[in-house]
Amino acid sequence: MSGGVYKVIELVGTSTESWEAAAKSAIEAATATLQDIRVAEVVKMDVRLDQNKIVEYRTRLTVSFKYHKELSD
């Protein structure tokens, strides 16, 4: 029987430029420490305001990656 097990985590990336840049920031951070990332799904996008102006874009992602039992022990 073939198949796999995947772990899902939630990340929030931030950027002063755009939601896309915020998502990219989160993925880049994840790929620095996780192996076999398979899917990232945008869950929510919002902005942080200061004096009625957008100062930060935030993108919340769920990221799934392959679970390797030998790495978890």
N, C-alpha and C. Protein backbone atom coordinates (compact mmCIF):
# COMPACT_ATOMS: atom_id res chain seq x y z
N MET A 1 0.85 -1.17 0.00
CA MET A 1 0.00 0.00 0.00
C MET A 1 0.89 1.23 0.00
N SER A 2 0.71 2.11 -0.95
CA SER A 2 1.50 3.33 -0.97
C SER A 2 0.64 4.49 -0.52
N GLY A 3 1.26 5.49 -0.03
CA GLY A 3 0.56 6.66 0.46
C GLY A 3 1.54 7.49 1.25
N GLY A 4 1.06 8.54 1.77
CA GLY A 4 1.95 9.40 2.54
C GLY A 4 1.18 10.10 3.64
N VAL A 5 1.94 10.65 4.53
CA VAL A 5 1.38 11.43 5.61
C VAL A 5 1.97 12.83 5.49
N TYR A 6 1.12 13.82 5.66
CA TYR A 6 1.55 15.21 5.52
C TYR A 6 1.18 15.99 6.77
N LYS A 7 2.05 16.88 7.16
CA LYS A 7 1.79 17.76 8.29
C LYS A 7 1.38 19.11 7.72
N VAL A 8 0.46 19.78 8.39
CA VAL A 8 -0.02 21.10 7.96
C VAL A 8 0.25 22.09 9.08
N ILE A 9 0.89 23.20 8.71
CA ILE A 9 1.15 24.27 9.68
C ILE A 9 0.60 25.57 9.13
N GLU A 10 0.48 26.55 9.99
CA GLU A 10 -0.01 27.85 9.58
C GLU A 10 1.11 28.88 9.78
N LEU A 11 1.30 29.72 8.78
CA LEU A 11 2.32 30.76 8.82
C LEU A 11 1.70 32.10 8.45
N VAL A 12 2.27 33.17 8.95
CA VAL A 12 1.85 34.51 8.55
C VAL A 12 3.10 35.25 8.06
N GLY A 13 3.06 35.64 6.79
CA GLY A 13 4.14 36.44 6.22
C GLY A 13 3.72 37.90 6.20
N THR A 14 4.71 38.79 6.31
CA THR A 14 4.42 40.22 6.28
C THR A 14 5.29 40.92 5.25
N SER A 15 4.78 42.04 4.77
CA SER A 15 5.52 42.85 3.80
C SER A 15 4.97 44.27 3.81
N THR A 16 5.83 45.22 3.53
CA THR A 16 5.37 46.60 3.38
C THR A 16 4.95 46.88 1.94
N GLU A 17 5.13 45.89 1.05
CA GLU A 17 4.87 46.08 -0.39
C GLU A 17 3.52 45.54 -0.85
N SER A 18 3.23 44.25 -0.54
CA SER A 18 2.03 43.62 -1.09
C SER A 18 1.72 42.31 -0.37
N TRP A 19 0.50 41.80 -0.61
CA TRP A 19 0.12 40.50 -0.07
C TRP A 19 0.97 39.40 -0.71
N GLU A 20 1.25 39.54 -1.99
CA GLU A 20 2.07 38.54 -2.69
C GLU A 20 3.47 38.47 -2.08
N ALA A 21 4.05 39.62 -1.81
CA ALA A 21 5.38 39.65 -1.18
C ALA A 21 5.33 39.06 0.23
N ALA A 22 4.23 39.27 0.94
CA ALA A 22 4.07 38.70 2.27
C ALA A 22 4.00 37.17 2.19
N ALA A 23 3.26 36.64 1.23
CA ALA A 23 3.18 35.19 1.04
C ALA A 23 4.55 34.62 0.68
N LYS A 24 5.25 35.30 -0.20
CA LYS A 24 6.58 34.85 -0.62
C LYS A 24 7.52 34.82 0.58
N SER A 25 7.44 35.80 1.44
CA SER A 25 8.26 35.85 2.64
C SER A 25 8.02 34.63 3.54
N ALA A 26 6.77 34.27 3.73
CA ALA A 26 6.43 33.11 4.55
C ALA A 26 6.96 31.82 3.93
N ILE A 27 6.80 31.67 2.63
CA ILE A 27 7.27 30.46 1.94
C ILE A 27 8.79 30.36 1.99
N GLU A 28 9.47 31.47 1.78
CA GLU A 28 10.93 31.46 1.83
C GLU A 28 11.43 31.06 3.22
N ALA A 29 10.77 31.54 4.26
CA ALA A 29 11.15 31.16 5.62
C ALA A 29 10.89 29.67 5.84
N ALA A 30 9.78 29.16 5.35
CA ALA A 30 9.44 27.75 5.53
C ALA A 30 10.43 26.85 4.79
N THR A 31 10.81 27.21 3.58
CA THR A 31 11.72 26.35 2.80
C THR A 31 13.12 26.32 3.39
N ALA A 32 13.43 27.27 4.26
CA ALA A 32 14.75 27.27 4.90
C ALA A 32 14.86 26.19 5.97
N THR A 33 13.72 25.72 6.50
CA THR A 33 13.77 24.75 7.59
C THR A 33 12.95 23.49 7.37
N LEU A 34 12.07 23.46 6.38
CA LEU A 34 11.22 22.30 6.14
C LEU A 34 11.61 21.59 4.85
N GLN A 35 11.36 20.29 4.81
CA GLN A 35 11.63 19.50 3.61
C GLN A 35 10.32 19.07 2.97
N ASP A 36 10.35 18.91 1.67
CA ASP A 36 9.22 18.35 0.90
C ASP A 36 7.93 19.13 1.08
N ILE A 37 8.02 20.45 1.02
CA ILE A 37 6.80 21.25 1.04
C ILE A 37 6.03 20.95 -0.24
N ARG A 38 4.74 20.68 -0.11
CA ARG A 38 3.94 20.27 -1.26
C ARG A 38 2.92 21.32 -1.68
N VAL A 39 2.24 21.93 -0.71
CA VAL A 39 1.14 22.85 -1.02
C VAL A 39 1.15 24.00 -0.02
N ALA A 40 0.85 25.19 -0.52
CA ALA A 40 0.61 26.33 0.36
C ALA A 40 -0.72 26.94 -0.08
N GLU A 41 -1.58 27.21 0.87
CA GLU A 41 -2.90 27.76 0.57
C GLU A 41 -3.08 29.07 1.34
N VAL A 42 -3.46 30.11 0.61
CA VAL A 42 -3.74 31.39 1.26
C VAL A 42 -5.07 31.26 1.98
N VAL A 43 -5.05 31.53 3.28
CA VAL A 43 -6.23 31.41 4.12
C VAL A 43 -6.88 32.77 4.36
N LYS A 44 -6.03 33.77 4.55
CA LYS A 44 -6.54 35.09 4.91
C LYS A 44 -5.52 36.15 4.54
N MET A 45 -6.00 37.29 4.15
CA MET A 45 -5.13 38.44 3.89
C MET A 45 -5.70 39.62 4.66
N ASP A 46 -4.82 40.36 5.31
CA ASP A 46 -5.26 41.57 5.98
C ASP A 46 -4.14 42.60 5.95
N VAL A 47 -4.42 43.77 6.50
CA VAL A 47 -3.42 44.83 6.52
C VAL A 47 -3.35 45.42 7.92
N ARG A 48 -2.20 45.97 8.23
CA ARG A 48 -2.03 46.70 9.48
C ARG A 48 -2.02 48.19 9.12
N LEU A 49 -2.75 48.96 9.88
CA LEU A 49 -2.89 50.39 9.61
C LEU A 49 -2.20 51.22 10.69
N ASP A 50 -1.73 52.38 10.28
CA ASP A 50 -1.21 53.37 11.21
C ASP A 50 -1.64 54.74 10.69
N GLN A 51 -2.40 55.45 11.48
CA GLN A 51 -2.94 56.76 11.09
C GLN A 51 -3.70 56.67 9.75
N ASN A 52 -4.54 55.64 9.66
CA ASN A 52 -5.41 55.41 8.50
C ASN A 52 -4.66 55.10 7.20
N LYS A 53 -3.41 54.70 7.31
CA LYS A 53 -2.63 54.32 6.12
C LYS A 53 -2.12 52.90 6.29
N ILE A 54 -2.10 52.17 5.18
CA ILE A 54 -1.58 50.80 5.21
C ILE A 54 -0.08 50.86 5.42
N VAL A 55 0.38 50.17 6.46
CA VAL A 55 1.81 50.12 6.74
C VAL A 55 2.38 48.70 6.59
N GLU A 56 1.48 47.71 6.53
CA GLU A 56 1.96 46.34 6.41
C GLU A 56 0.86 45.45 5.84
N TYR A 57 1.24 44.62 4.88
CA TYR A 57 0.35 43.59 4.34
C TYR A 57 0.69 42.28 5.04
N ARG A 58 -0.34 41.50 5.39
CA ARG A 58 -0.15 40.22 6.05
C ARG A 58 -0.92 39.14 5.30
N THR A 59 -0.23 38.05 5.03
CA THR A 59 -0.86 36.91 4.35
C THR A 59 -0.70 35.68 5.22
N ARG A 60 -1.84 35.07 5.58
CA ARG A 60 -1.84 33.83 6.36
C ARG A 60 -1.94 32.66 5.41
N LEU A 61 -1.05 31.69 5.58
CA LEU A 61 -1.00 30.51 4.71
C LEU A 61 -1.05 29.24 5.54
N THR A 62 -1.65 28.21 5.00
CA THR A 62 -1.42 26.87 5.52
C THR A 62 -0.43 26.22 4.57
N VAL A 63 0.53 25.53 5.13
CA VAL A 63 1.59 24.91 4.35
C VAL A 63 1.62 23.43 4.70
N SER A 64 1.62 22.57 3.69
CA SER A 64 1.72 21.14 3.98
C SER A 64 3.03 20.60 3.45
N PHE A 65 3.60 19.70 4.24
CA PHE A 65 4.86 19.07 3.84
C PHE A 65 4.84 17.62 4.26
N LYS A 66 5.62 16.83 3.56
CA LYS A 66 5.63 15.39 3.80
C LYS A 66 6.24 15.08 5.16
N TYR A 67 5.57 14.24 5.91
CA TYR A 67 6.02 13.80 7.22
C TYR A 67 6.99 12.65 7.04
N HIS A 68 8.18 12.79 7.60
CA HIS A 68 9.20 11.74 7.54
C HIS A 68 9.43 11.23 8.96
N LYS A 69 8.97 10.03 9.23
CA LYS A 69 9.07 9.49 10.59
C LYS A 69 10.50 9.49 11.09
N GLU A 70 11.45 9.14 10.25
CA GLU A 70 12.83 9.03 10.69
C GLU A 70 13.39 10.40 11.13
N LEU A 71 12.83 11.48 10.65
CA LEU A 71 13.30 12.81 11.06
C LEU A 71 12.64 13.28 12.33
N SER A 72 11.51 12.68 12.70
CA SER A 72 10.77 13.15 13.88
C SER A 72 11.25 12.49 15.18
N ASP A 73 11.99 11.42 15.08
CA ASP A 73 12.46 10.71 16.29
C ASP A 73 13.62 11.40 16.94
